[in-house]
Amino acid sequence: MVDGPGRSLPAPEADALEAQLRMFARDIGVLYRDQKERAEQLEEALASLKTTYLETIRSLAFVVEAKDAYTGQHLERCRAYGVV
């Protein structure tokens, strides 16, 4: 047991603590890799969602433009400003 500065643990206790610390370090590494992978998946999903959203807006603008060219051009300008 540690009583003060300069004292060390008995070997069996030190070995047990070292083993426990190694397990914690391994678990933290696994959790880190899992979280990093999830973050990458979320970034990809967000990019896909943004692309789909913009394509939907563009498609709706083209539908309106097919009916009325002036309104369609106005919607395309509004879409372009909205993206900025």
PDB file of N, CA and C in Angstrom:
ATOM      1  N   MET A   1       0.846  -1.179   0.000  1.00  0.00           N
ATOM      2  CA  MET A   1       0.000   0.000   0.000  1.00  0.00           C
ATOM      3  C   MET A   1       0.888   1.237   0.000  1.00  0.00           C
ATOM      4  N   VAL A   2       0.435   2.304  -0.606  1.00  0.00           N
ATOM      5  CA  VAL A   2       1.207   3.540  -0.672  1.00  0.00           C
ATOM      6  C   VAL A   2       0.925   4.354   0.582  1.00  0.00           C
ATOM      7  N   ASP A   3       1.995   4.661   1.341  1.00  0.00           N
ATOM      8  CA  ASP A   3       1.839   5.450   2.561  1.00  0.00           C
ATOM      9  C   ASP A   3       2.280   6.890   2.367  1.00  0.00           C
ATOM     10  N   GLY A   4       3.063   7.153   1.372  1.00  0.00           N
ATOM     11  CA  GLY A   4       3.555   8.506   1.171  1.00  0.00           C
ATOM     12  C   GLY A   4       4.509   8.560   0.002  1.00  0.00           C
ATOM     13  N   PRO A   5       5.140   9.727  -0.209  1.00  0.00           N
ATOM     14  CA  PRO A   5       6.060   9.884  -1.337  1.00  0.00           C
ATOM     15  C   PRO A   5       7.232   8.912  -1.242  1.00  0.00           C
ATOM     16  N   GLY A   6       7.611   8.373  -2.363  1.00  0.00           N
ATOM     17  CA  GLY A   6       8.751   7.483  -2.420  1.00  0.00           C
ATOM     18  C   GLY A   6       8.446   6.047  -2.057  1.00  0.00           C
ATOM     19  N   ARG A   7       7.248   5.756  -1.649  1.00  0.00           N
ATOM     20  CA  ARG A   7       6.878   4.384  -1.295  1.00  0.00           C
ATOM     21  C   ARG A   7       6.196   3.744  -2.493  1.00  0.00           C
ATOM     22  N   SER A   8       6.319   2.456  -2.610  1.00  0.00           N
ATOM     23  CA  SER A   8       5.708   1.757  -3.741  1.00  0.00           C
ATOM     24  C   SER A   8       4.763   0.679  -3.238  1.00  0.00           C
ATOM     25  N   LEU A   9       3.946   0.204  -4.159  1.00  0.00           N
ATOM     26  CA  LEU A   9       3.001  -0.866  -3.844  1.00  0.00           C
ATOM     27  C   LEU A   9       3.716  -2.205  -3.808  1.00  0.00           C
ATOM     28  N   PRO A  10       3.205  -3.134  -3.036  1.00  0.00           N
ATOM     29  CA  PRO A  10       3.726  -4.503  -3.118  1.00  0.00           C
ATOM     30  C   PRO A  10       3.534  -5.033  -4.539  1.00  0.00           C
ATOM     31  N   ALA A  11       4.410  -5.902  -4.975  1.00  0.00           N
ATOM     32  CA  ALA A  11       4.404  -6.407  -6.355  1.00  0.00           C
ATOM     33  C   ALA A  11       3.051  -6.959  -6.796  1.00  0.00           C
ATOM     34  N   PRO A  12       2.367  -7.792  -6.008  1.00  0.00           N
ATOM     35  CA  PRO A  12       1.086  -8.321  -6.490  1.00  0.00           C
ATOM     36  C   PRO A  12       0.050  -7.219  -6.732  1.00  0.00           C
ATOM     37  N   GLU A  13       0.017  -6.231  -5.859  1.00  0.00           N
ATOM     38  CA  GLU A  13      -0.940  -5.139  -6.043  1.00  0.00           C
ATOM     39  C   GLU A  13      -0.569  -4.288  -7.246  1.00  0.00           C
ATOM     40  N   ALA A  14       0.713  -4.028  -7.413  1.00  0.00           N
ATOM     41  CA  ALA A  14       1.177  -3.239  -8.557  1.00  0.00           C
ATOM     42  C   ALA A  14       0.853  -3.962  -9.859  1.00  0.00           C
ATOM     43  N   ASP A  15       1.060  -5.274  -9.894  1.00  0.00           N
ATOM     44  CA  ASP A  15       0.749  -6.048 -11.100  1.00  0.00           C
ATOM     45  C   ASP A  15      -0.744  -6.014 -11.399  1.00  0.00           C
ATOM     46  N   ALA A  16      -1.561  -6.133 -10.358  1.00  0.00           N
ATOM     47  CA  ALA A  16      -3.013  -6.104 -10.552  1.00  0.00           C
ATOM     48  C   ALA A  16      -3.460  -4.742 -11.067  1.00  0.00           C
ATOM     49  N   LEU A  17      -2.911  -3.681 -10.506  1.00  0.00           N
ATOM     50  CA  LEU A  17      -3.261  -2.334 -10.965  1.00  0.00           C
ATOM     51  C   LEU A  17      -2.800  -2.097 -12.400  1.00  0.00           C
ATOM     52  N   GLU A  18      -1.608  -2.584 -12.716  1.00  0.00           N
ATOM     53  CA  GLU A  18      -1.105  -2.428 -14.083  1.00  0.00           C
ATOM     54  C   GLU A  18      -2.003  -3.162 -15.071  1.00  0.00           C
ATOM     55  N   ALA A  19      -2.430  -4.369 -14.720  1.00  0.00           N
ATOM     56  CA  ALA A  19      -3.325  -5.132 -15.595  1.00  0.00           C
ATOM     57  C   ALA A  19      -4.649  -4.396 -15.773  1.00  0.00           C
ATOM     58  N   GLN A  20      -5.164  -3.838 -14.696  1.00  0.00           N
ATOM     59  CA  GLN A  20      -6.427  -3.107 -14.775  1.00  0.00           C
ATOM     60  C   GLN A  20      -6.269  -1.853 -15.644  1.00  0.00           C
ATOM     61  N   LEU A  21      -5.166  -1.144 -15.488  1.00  0.00           N
ATOM     62  CA  LEU A  21      -4.917   0.041 -16.311  1.00  0.00           C
ATOM     63  C   LEU A  21      -4.790  -0.323 -17.787  1.00  0.00           C
ATOM     64  N   ARG A  22      -4.153  -1.438 -18.070  1.00  0.00           N
ATOM     65  CA  ARG A  22      -4.035  -1.883 -19.464  1.00  0.00           C
ATOM     66  C   ARG A  22      -5.415  -2.200 -20.050  1.00  0.00           C
ATOM     67  N   MET A  23      -6.269  -2.823 -19.247  1.00  0.00           N
ATOM     68  CA  MET A  23      -7.632  -3.121 -19.715  1.00  0.00           C
ATOM     69  C   MET A  23      -8.402  -1.831 -19.972  1.00  0.00           C
ATOM     70  N   PHE A  24      -8.278  -0.863 -19.070  1.00  0.00           N
ATOM     71  CA  PHE A  24      -8.947   0.422 -19.260  1.00  0.00           C
ATOM     72  C   PHE A  24      -8.441   1.112 -20.525  1.00  0.00           C
ATOM     73  N   ALA A  25      -7.135   1.087 -20.735  1.00  0.00           N
ATOM     74  CA  ALA A  25      -6.553   1.714 -21.921  1.00  0.00           C
ATOM     75  C   ALA A  25      -7.064   1.044 -23.191  1.00  0.00           C
ATOM     76  N   ARG A  26      -7.138  -0.287 -23.169  1.00  0.00           N
ATOM     77  CA  ARG A  26      -7.656  -1.011 -24.330  1.00  0.00           C
ATOM     78  C   ARG A  26      -9.120  -0.642 -24.577  1.00  0.00           C
ATOM     79  N   ASP A  27      -9.924  -0.606 -23.510  1.00  0.00           N
ATOM     80  CA  ASP A  27     -11.340  -0.259 -23.641  1.00  0.00           C
ATOM     81  C   ASP A  27     -11.522   1.156 -24.178  1.00  0.00           C
ATOM     82  N   ILE A  28     -10.707   2.075 -23.700  1.00  0.00           N
ATOM     83  CA  ILE A  28     -10.790   3.455 -24.182  1.00  0.00           C
ATOM     84  C   ILE A  28     -10.412   3.516 -25.658  1.00  0.00           C
ATOM     85  N   GLY A  29      -9.411   2.753 -26.063  1.00  0.00           N
ATOM     86  CA  GLY A  29      -9.032   2.706 -27.474  1.00  0.00           C
ATOM     87  C   GLY A  29     -10.158   2.189 -28.347  1.00  0.00           C
ATOM     88  N   VAL A  30     -10.841   1.151 -27.888  1.00  0.00           N
ATOM     89  CA  VAL A  30     -11.976   0.597 -28.639  1.00  0.00           C
ATOM     90  C   VAL A  30     -13.090   1.633 -28.734  1.00  0.00           C
ATOM     91  N   LEU A  31     -13.404   2.285 -27.621  1.00  0.00           N
ATOM     92  CA  LEU A  31     -14.448   3.311 -27.624  1.00  0.00           C
ATOM     93  C   LEU A  31     -14.092   4.462 -28.554  1.00  0.00           C
ATOM     94  N   TYR A  32     -12.832   4.866 -28.554  1.00  0.00           N
ATOM     95  CA  TYR A  32     -12.385   5.946 -29.433  1.00  0.00           C
ATOM     96  C   TYR A  32     -12.576   5.572 -30.898  1.00  0.00           C
ATOM     97  N   ARG A  33     -12.156   4.373 -31.261  1.00  0.00           N
ATOM     98  CA  ARG A  33     -12.301   3.936 -32.654  1.00  0.00           C
ATOM     99  C   ARG A  33     -13.773   3.860 -33.052  1.00  0.00           C
ATOM    100  N   ASP A  34     -14.620   3.356 -32.153  1.00  0.00           N
ATOM    101  CA  ASP A  34     -16.052   3.276 -32.440  1.00  0.00           C
ATOM    102  C   ASP A  34     -16.653   4.665 -32.649  1.00  0.00           C
ATOM    103  N   GLN A  35     -16.301   5.600 -31.779  1.00  0.00           N
ATOM    104  CA  GLN A  35     -16.837   6.957 -31.897  1.00  0.00           C
ATOM    105  C   GLN A  35     -16.337   7.640 -33.167  1.00  0.00           C
ATOM    106  N   LYS A  36     -15.081   7.403 -33.511  1.00  0.00           N
ATOM    107  CA  LYS A  36     -14.527   7.991 -34.733  1.00  0.00           C
ATOM    108  C   LYS A  36     -15.266   7.451 -35.958  1.00  0.00           C
ATOM    109  N   GLU A  37     -15.533   6.151 -35.965  1.00  0.00           N
ATOM    110  CA  GLU A  37     -16.262   5.540 -37.076  1.00  0.00           C
ATOM    111  C   GLU A  37     -17.680   6.096 -37.160  1.00  0.00           C
ATOM    112  N   ARG A  38     -18.333   6.243 -36.019  1.00  0.00           N
ATOM    113  CA  ARG A  38     -19.692   6.808 -36.009  1.00  0.00           C
ATOM    114  C   ARG A  38     -19.695   8.241 -36.515  1.00  0.00           C
ATOM    115  N   ALA A  39     -18.703   9.020 -36.128  1.00  0.00           N
ATOM    116  CA  ALA A  39     -18.615  10.406 -36.585  1.00  0.00           C
ATOM    117  C   ALA A  39     -18.439  10.461 -38.099  1.00  0.00           C
ATOM    118  N   GLU A  40     -17.618   9.575 -38.647  1.00  0.00           N
ATOM    119  CA  GLU A  40     -17.423   9.528 -40.099  1.00  0.00           C
ATOM    120  C   GLU A  40     -18.717   9.140 -40.804  1.00  0.00           C
ATOM    121  N   GLN A  41     -19.443   8.177 -40.239  1.00  0.00           N
ATOM    122  CA  GLN A  41     -20.719   7.773 -40.823  1.00  0.00           C
ATOM    123  C   GLN A  41     -21.716   8.926 -40.799  1.00  0.00           C
ATOM    124  N   LEU A  42     -21.744   9.673 -39.709  1.00  0.00           N
ATOM    125  CA  LEU A  42     -22.647  10.816 -39.616  1.00  0.00           C
ATOM    126  C   LEU A  42     -22.277  11.902 -40.616  1.00  0.00           C
ATOM    127  N   GLU A  43     -20.985  12.140 -40.809  1.00  0.00           N
ATOM    128  CA  GLU A  43     -20.541  13.125 -41.801  1.00  0.00           C
ATOM    129  C   GLU A  43     -20.996  12.714 -43.200  1.00  0.00           C
ATOM    130  N   GLU A  44     -20.857  11.434 -43.525  1.00  0.00           N
ATOM    131  CA  GLU A  44     -21.294  10.942 -44.832  1.00  0.00           C
ATOM    132  C   GLU A  44     -22.803  11.076 -44.981  1.00  0.00           C
ATOM    133  N   ALA A  45     -23.548  10.746 -43.936  1.00  0.00           N
ATOM    134  CA  ALA A  45     -25.007  10.852 -43.985  1.00  0.00           C
ATOM    135  C   ALA A  45     -25.431  12.309 -44.147  1.00  0.00           C
ATOM    136  N   LEU A  46     -24.753  13.210 -43.459  1.00  0.00           N
ATOM    137  CA  LEU A  46     -25.072  14.631 -43.569  1.00  0.00           C
ATOM    138  C   LEU A  46     -24.805  15.140 -44.980  1.00  0.00           C
ATOM    139  N   ALA A  47     -23.692  14.749 -45.565  1.00  0.00           N
ATOM    140  CA  ALA A  47     -23.374  15.162 -46.936  1.00  0.00           C
ATOM    141  C   ALA A  47     -24.412  14.627 -47.909  1.00  0.00           C
ATOM    142  N   SER A  48     -24.816  13.385 -47.721  1.00  0.00           N
ATOM    143  CA  SER A  48     -25.835  12.788 -48.583  1.00  0.00           C
ATOM    144  C   SER A  48     -27.171  13.506 -48.425  1.00  0.00           C
ATOM    145  N   LEU A  49     -27.523  13.816 -47.200  1.00  0.00           N
ATOM    146  CA  LEU A  49     -28.777  14.516 -46.937  1.00  0.00           C
ATOM    147  C   LEU A  49     -28.769  15.903 -47.565  1.00  0.00           C
ATOM    148  N   LYS A  50     -27.654  16.606 -47.461  1.00  0.00           N
ATOM    149  CA  LYS A  50     -27.543  17.936 -48.056  1.00  0.00           C
ATOM    150  C   LYS A  50     -27.691  17.859 -49.570  1.00  0.00           C
ATOM    151  N   THR A  51     -27.033  16.882 -50.193  1.00  0.00           N
ATOM    152  CA  THR A  51     -27.139  16.710 -51.641  1.00  0.00           C
ATOM    153  C   THR A  51     -28.574  16.411 -52.049  1.00  0.00           C
ATOM    154  N   THR A  52     -29.223  15.521 -51.325  1.00  0.00           N
ATOM    155  CA  THR A  52     -30.612  15.170 -51.628  1.00  0.00           C
ATOM    156  C   THR A  52     -31.520  16.375 -51.471  1.00  0.00           C
ATOM    157  N   TYR A  53     -31.312  17.152 -50.424  1.00  0.00           N
ATOM    158  CA  TYR A  53     -32.117  18.351 -50.185  1.00  0.00           C
ATOM    159  C   TYR A  53     -31.973  19.330 -51.350  1.00  0.00           C
ATOM    160  N   LEU A  54     -30.737  19.596 -51.759  1.00  0.00           N
ATOM    161  CA  LEU A  54     -30.507  20.537 -52.857  1.00  0.00           C
ATOM    162  C   LEU A  54     -31.092  20.018 -54.168  1.00  0.00           C
ATOM    163  N   GLU A  55     -30.976  18.726 -54.420  1.00  0.00           N
ATOM    164  CA  GLU A  55     -31.555  18.149 -55.634  1.00  0.00           C
ATOM    165  C   GLU A  55     -33.074  18.253 -55.618  1.00  0.00           C
ATOM    166  N   THR A  56     -33.679  18.087 -54.463  1.00  0.00           N
ATOM    167  CA  THR A  56     -35.134  18.213 -54.345  1.00  0.00           C
ATOM    168  C   THR A  56     -35.571  19.638 -54.645  1.00  0.00           C
ATOM    169  N   ILE A  57     -34.893  20.612 -54.067  1.00  0.00           N
ATOM    170  CA  ILE A  57     -35.224  22.020 -54.319  1.00  0.00           C
ATOM    171  C   ILE A  57     -35.048  22.346 -55.797  1.00  0.00           C
ATOM    172  N   ARG A  58     -33.966  21.868 -56.387  1.00  0.00           N
ATOM    173  CA  ARG A  58     -33.712  22.125 -57.810  1.00  0.00           C
ATOM    174  C   ARG A  58     -34.804  21.488 -58.673  1.00  0.00           C
ATOM    175  N   SER A  59     -35.207  20.282 -58.338  1.00  0.00           N
ATOM    176  CA  SER A  59     -36.259  19.599 -59.097  1.00  0.00           C
ATOM    177  C   SER A  59     -37.574  20.359 -59.013  1.00  0.00           C
ATOM    178  N   LEU A  60     -37.913  20.830 -57.827  1.00  0.00           N
ATOM    179  CA  LEU A  60     -39.147  21.610 -57.682  1.00  0.00           C
ATOM    180  C   LEU A  60     -39.071  22.902 -58.488  1.00  0.00           C
ATOM    181  N   ALA A  61     -37.914  23.538 -58.510  1.00  0.00           N
ATOM    182  CA  ALA A  61     -37.751  24.759 -59.300  1.00  0.00           C
ATOM    183  C   ALA A  61     -37.915  24.463 -60.787  1.00  0.00           C
ATOM    184  N   PHE A  62     -37.386  23.341 -61.243  1.00  0.00           N
ATOM    185  CA  PHE A  62     -37.529  22.988 -62.657  1.00  0.00           C
ATOM    186  C   PHE A  62     -38.979  22.692 -63.010  1.00  0.00           C
ATOM    187  N   VAL A  63     -39.717  22.092 -62.095  1.00  0.00           N
ATOM    188  CA  VAL A  63     -41.135  21.827 -62.342  1.00  0.00           C
ATOM    189  C   VAL A  63     -41.874  23.144 -62.525  1.00  0.00           C
ATOM    190  N   VAL A  64     -41.603  24.108 -61.660  1.00  0.00           N
ATOM    191  CA  VAL A  64     -42.256  25.412 -61.772  1.00  0.00           C
ATOM    192  C   VAL A  64     -41.798  26.106 -63.047  1.00  0.00           C
ATOM    193  N   GLU A  65     -40.523  25.988 -63.370  1.00  0.00           N
ATOM    194  CA  GLU A  65     -39.993  26.635 -64.567  1.00  0.00           C
ATOM    195  C   GLU A  65     -40.651  26.084 -65.826  1.00  0.00           C
ATOM    196  N   ALA A  66     -40.964  24.814 -65.826  1.00  0.00           N
ATOM    197  CA  ALA A  66     -41.624  24.220 -66.986  1.00  0.00           C
ATOM    198  C   ALA A  66     -42.983  24.876 -67.214  1.00  0.00           C
ATOM    199  N   LYS A  67     -43.603  25.332 -66.144  1.00  0.00           N
ATOM    200  CA  LYS A  67     -44.912  25.973 -66.257  1.00  0.00           C
ATOM    201  C   LYS A  67     -44.755  27.453 -66.579  1.00  0.00           C
ATOM    202  N   ASP A  68     -43.788  28.117 -65.984  1.00  0.00           N
ATOM    203  CA  ASP A  68     -43.618  29.558 -66.143  1.00  0.00           C
ATOM    204  C   ASP A  68     -42.121  29.877 -66.086  1.00  0.00           C
ATOM    205  N   ALA A  69     -41.539  30.240 -67.226  1.00  0.00           N
ATOM    206  CA  ALA A  69     -40.092  30.453 -67.313  1.00  0.00           C
ATOM    207  C   ALA A  69     -39.623  31.568 -66.379  1.00  0.00           C
ATOM    208  N   TYR A  70     -40.363  32.659 -66.265  1.00  0.00           N
ATOM    209  CA  TYR A  70     -39.942  33.770 -65.408  1.00  0.00           C
ATOM    210  C   TYR A  70     -39.885  33.335 -63.946  1.00  0.00           C
ATOM    211  N   THR A  71     -40.938  32.668 -63.490  1.00  0.00           N
ATOM    212  CA  THR A  71     -40.974  32.200 -62.104  1.00  0.00           C
ATOM    213  C   THR A  71     -39.877  31.166 -61.865  1.00  0.00           C
ATOM    214  N   GLY A  72     -39.650  30.313 -62.842  1.00  0.00           N
ATOM    215  CA  GLY A  72     -38.609  29.299 -62.703  1.00  0.00           C
ATOM    216  C   GLY A  72     -37.234  29.915 -62.547  1.00  0.00           C
ATOM    217  N   GLN A  73     -36.946  30.956 -63.328  1.00  0.00           N
ATOM    218  CA  GLN A  73     -35.651  31.631 -63.206  1.00  0.00           C
ATOM    219  C   GLN A  73     -35.519  32.304 -61.840  1.00  0.00           C
ATOM    220  N   HIS A  74     -36.618  32.887 -61.370  1.00  0.00           N
ATOM    221  CA  HIS A  74     -36.616  33.517 -60.047  1.00  0.00           C
ATOM    222  C   HIS A  74     -36.320  32.469 -58.967  1.00  0.00           C
ATOM    223  N   LEU A  75     -36.953  31.316 -59.061  1.00  0.00           N
ATOM    224  CA  LEU A  75     -36.726  30.262 -58.075  1.00  0.00           C
ATOM    225  C   LEU A  75     -35.282  29.759 -58.118  1.00  0.00           C
ATOM    226  N   GLU A  76     -34.722  29.667 -59.318  1.00  0.00           N
ATOM    227  CA  GLU A  76     -33.329  29.213 -59.434  1.00  0.00           C
ATOM    228  C   GLU A  76     -32.386  30.223 -58.775  1.00  0.00           C
ATOM    229  N   ARG A  77     -32.663  31.519 -58.966  1.00  0.00           N
ATOM    230  CA  ARG A  77     -31.842  32.543 -58.304  1.00  0.00           C
ATOM    231  C   ARG A  77     -31.987  32.444 -56.786  1.00  0.00           C
ATOM    232  N   CYS A  78     -33.202  32.273 -56.314  1.00  0.00           N
ATOM    233  CA  CYS A  78     -33.436  32.139 -54.867  1.00  0.00           C
ATOM    234  C   CYS A  78     -32.722  30.906 -54.316  1.00  0.00           C
ATOM    235  N   ARG A  79     -32.758  29.810 -55.064  1.00  0.00           N
ATOM    236  CA  ARG A  79     -32.070  28.596 -54.630  1.00  0.00           C
ATOM    237  C   ARG A  79     -30.570  28.852 -54.529  1.00  0.00           C
ATOM    238  N   ALA A  80     -30.024  29.533 -55.527  1.00  0.00           N
ATOM    239  CA  ALA A  80     -28.587  29.825 -55.532  1.00  0.00           C
ATOM    240  C   ALA A  80     -28.213  30.717 -54.348  1.00  0.00           C
ATOM    241  N   TYR A  81     -29.043  31.701 -54.049  1.00  0.00           N
ATOM    242  CA  TYR A  81     -28.766  32.570 -52.898  1.00  0.00           C
ATOM    243  C   TYR A  81     -28.882  31.791 -51.592  1.00  0.00           C
ATOM    244  N   GLY A  82     -29.827  30.887 -51.536  1.00  0.00           N
ATOM    245  CA  GLY A  82     -30.031  30.092 -50.324  1.00  0.00           C
ATOM    246  C   GLY A  82     -28.862  29.168 -50.030  1.00  0.00           C
ATOM    247  N   VAL A  83     -28.183  28.702 -51.066  1.00  0.00           N
ATOM    248  CA  VAL A  83     -27.039  27.805 -50.903  1.00  0.00           C
ATOM    249  C   VAL A  83     -25.841  28.571 -50.352  1.00  0.00           C
ATOM    250  N   VAL A  84     -25.736  29.845 -50.712  1.00  0.00           N
ATOM    251  CA  VAL A  84     -24.612  30.671 -50.243  1.00  0.00           C
ATOM    252  C   VAL A  84     -24.779  30.870 -48.783  1.00  0.00           C
TER     253      VAL A  84
END
